[in-house]
C-alpha cells in the first residue's frame, strides 16, 4: 500500500489525470478530477498555496488545493487508493 506522499509524487511525475475524493472544511464531501503541473492561466507573482497541499488543475473548477489530511480516496491509473483522511 502506498502512502499519500508516495502516491502524490508518482502522479506528479506521470503528468496523468487522477481523481480525488475528500472532505471540505465545511464537512461536505467533494470529488474532483484533474492533474498536476498545469501552468496555463497563471498570472505570476508569489504563490500563497501550501506546498504540502495537493495543488492541481481541476477540469471543471480551475485550480484547486486539497489538504492531504482530508483526502479519503484517490483514483489513479484505474487503481483505487483509500485513506483515513
C-alpha atoms as a PDB file:
ATOM      1  CA  UNK A   1       0.000   0.000   0.000  1.00  0.00           C
ATOM      2  CA  UNK A   2       1.399   3.381  -0.986  1.00  0.00           C
ATOM      3  CA  UNK A   3       1.297   6.269   1.411  1.00  0.00           C
ATOM      4  CA  UNK A   4      -0.188   9.572   0.320  1.00  0.00           C
ATOM      5  CA  UNK A   5       3.171  11.299  -0.305  1.00  0.00           C
ATOM      6  CA  UNK A   6       4.459   8.434  -2.463  1.00  0.00           C
ATOM      7  CA  UNK A   7       1.256   8.476  -4.478  1.00  0.00           C
ATOM      8  CA  UNK A   8       1.378  12.255  -4.940  1.00  0.00           C
ATOM      9  CA  UNK A   9       4.961  12.026  -6.189  1.00  0.00           C
ATOM     10  CA  UNK A  10       4.095   9.249  -8.639  1.00  0.00           C
ATOM     11  CA  UNK A  11       1.107  11.189 -10.000  1.00  0.00           C
ATOM     12  CA  UNK A  12       3.165  14.389 -10.391  1.00  0.00           C
ATOM     13  CA  UNK A  13       5.908  12.556 -12.309  1.00  0.00           C
ATOM     14  CA  UNK A  14       3.402  10.906 -14.655  1.00  0.00           C
ATOM     15  CA  UNK A  15       1.521  14.090 -15.642  1.00  0.00           C
ATOM     16  CA  UNK A  16      -1.638  11.986 -15.977  1.00  0.00           C
ATOM     17  CA  UNK A  17      -5.144  12.721 -14.746  1.00  0.00           C
ATOM     18  CA  UNK A  18      -6.350  11.485 -11.372  1.00  0.00           C
ATOM     19  CA  UNK A  19      -9.453  11.758  -9.199  1.00  0.00           C
ATOM     20  CA  UNK A  20      -9.599  12.652  -5.529  1.00  0.00           C
ATOM     21  CA  UNK A  21     -12.438  12.363  -3.004  1.00  0.00           C
ATOM     22  CA  UNK A  22     -12.038  14.463   0.129  1.00  0.00           C
ATOM     23  CA  UNK A  23     -13.900  16.246   2.916  1.00  0.00           C
ATOM     24  CA  UNK A  24     -14.096  20.038   2.631  1.00  0.00           C
ATOM     25  CA  UNK A  25     -13.577  22.272   5.671  1.00  0.00           C
ATOM     26  CA  UNK A  26     -17.347  22.696   5.987  1.00  0.00           C
ATOM     27  CA  UNK A  27     -17.780  18.888   6.231  1.00  0.00           C
ATOM     28  CA  UNK A  28     -19.106  18.376   2.710  1.00  0.00           C
ATOM     29  CA  UNK A  29     -17.651  15.527   0.654  1.00  0.00           C
ATOM     30  CA  UNK A  30     -16.231  16.559  -2.733  1.00  0.00           C
ATOM     31  CA  UNK A  31     -14.919  14.708  -5.799  1.00  0.00           C
ATOM     32  CA  UNK A  32     -12.508  16.352  -8.244  1.00  0.00           C
ATOM     33  CA  UNK A  33     -10.714  15.175 -11.378  1.00  0.00           C
ATOM     34  CA  UNK A  34      -7.597  16.938 -12.554  1.00  0.00           C
ATOM     35  CA  UNK A  35      -3.843  16.826 -12.935  1.00  0.00           C
ATOM     36  CA  UNK A  36      -0.694  18.360 -11.534  1.00  0.00           C
ATOM     37  CA  UNK A  37       1.706  20.542 -13.489  1.00  0.00           C
ATOM     38  CA  UNK A  38      -0.744  22.774 -15.358  1.00  0.00           C
ATOM     39  CA  UNK A  39       0.513  26.365 -15.546  1.00  0.00           C
ATOM     40  CA  UNK A  40      -1.835  27.861 -18.113  1.00  0.00           C
ATOM     41  CA  UNK A  41      -3.670  30.982 -16.898  1.00  0.00           C
ATOM     42  CA  UNK A  42      -1.216  31.539 -14.025  1.00  0.00           C
ATOM     43  CA  UNK A  43      -0.634  35.290 -13.781  1.00  0.00           C
ATOM     44  CA  UNK A  44       2.708  35.130 -11.984  1.00  0.00           C
ATOM     45  CA  UNK A  45       3.700  36.514  -8.622  1.00  0.00           C
ATOM     46  CA  UNK A  46       4.167  34.674  -5.346  1.00  0.00           C
ATOM     47  CA  UNK A  47       2.030  31.618  -4.650  1.00  0.00           C
ATOM     48  CA  UNK A  48       0.073  31.627  -1.391  1.00  0.00           C
ATOM     49  CA  UNK A  49      -0.631  27.889  -1.582  1.00  0.00           C
ATOM     50  CA  UNK A  50       0.969  25.480   0.877  1.00  0.00           C
ATOM     51  CA  UNK A  51       3.414  23.036  -0.718  1.00  0.00           C
ATOM     52  CA  UNK A  52       2.099  20.204   1.473  1.00  0.00           C
ATOM     53  CA  UNK A  53      -1.358  20.521  -0.092  1.00  0.00           C
ATOM     54  CA  UNK A  54      -2.364  18.835  -3.326  1.00  0.00           C
ATOM     55  CA  UNK A  55      -2.374  21.882  -5.651  1.00  0.00           C
ATOM     56  CA  UNK A  56      -3.659  20.918  -9.093  1.00  0.00           C
ATOM     57  CA  UNK A  57      -5.877  21.944 -12.002  1.00  0.00           C
ATOM     58  CA  UNK A  58      -9.440  20.575 -11.854  1.00  0.00           C
ATOM     59  CA  UNK A  59     -11.229  20.053 -15.168  1.00  0.00           C
ATOM     60  CA  UNK A  60     -14.379  21.950 -14.135  1.00  0.00           C
ATOM     61  CA  UNK A  61     -13.355  24.407 -11.428  1.00  0.00           C
ATOM     62  CA  UNK A  62      -9.845  25.501 -12.406  1.00  0.00           C
ATOM     63  CA  UNK A  63      -7.016  25.490  -9.898  1.00  0.00           C
ATOM     64  CA  UNK A  64      -7.736  23.715  -6.593  1.00  0.00           C
ATOM     65  CA  UNK A  65      -5.853  22.970  -3.402  1.00  0.00           C
ATOM     66  CA  UNK A  66      -6.740  19.978  -1.209  1.00  0.00           C
ATOM     67  CA  UNK A  67      -5.443  19.411   2.321  1.00  0.00           C
ATOM     68  CA  UNK A  68      -3.790  15.956   2.451  1.00  0.00           C
ATOM     69  CA  UNK A  69      -5.359  15.116   5.829  1.00  0.00           C
ATOM     70  CA  UNK A  70      -8.840  15.491   4.273  1.00  0.00           C
ATOM     71  CA  UNK A  71      -8.270  13.009   1.401  1.00  0.00           C
ATOM     72  CA  UNK A  72     -10.404   9.860   1.568  1.00  0.00           C
ATOM     73  CA  UNK A  73      -9.715   8.271  -1.822  1.00  0.00           C
ATOM     74  CA  UNK A  74      -7.515   8.728  -4.878  1.00  0.00           C
ATOM     75  CA  UNK A  75      -8.096   7.017  -8.229  1.00  0.00           C
ATOM     76  CA  UNK A  76      -5.029   6.859 -10.472  1.00  0.00           C
ATOM     77  CA  UNK A  77      -4.372   4.539 -13.432  1.00  0.00           C
ATOM     78  CA  UNK A  78      -7.600   2.614 -12.686  1.00  0.00           C
ATOM     79  CA  UNK A  79      -6.426   1.852  -9.128  1.00  0.00           C
ATOM     80  CA  UNK A  80      -8.343   2.995  -6.040  1.00  0.00           C
ATOM     81  CA  UNK A  81      -6.305   4.092  -3.029  1.00  0.00           C
ATOM     82  CA  UNK A  82      -8.250   4.648   0.200  1.00  0.00           C
ATOM     83  CA  UNK A  83      -7.037   6.750   3.109  1.00  0.00           C
ATOM     84  CA  UNK A  84      -8.374   7.585   6.557  1.00  0.00           C
ATOM     85  CA  UNK A  85      -8.107  11.351   5.954  1.00  0.00           C
END
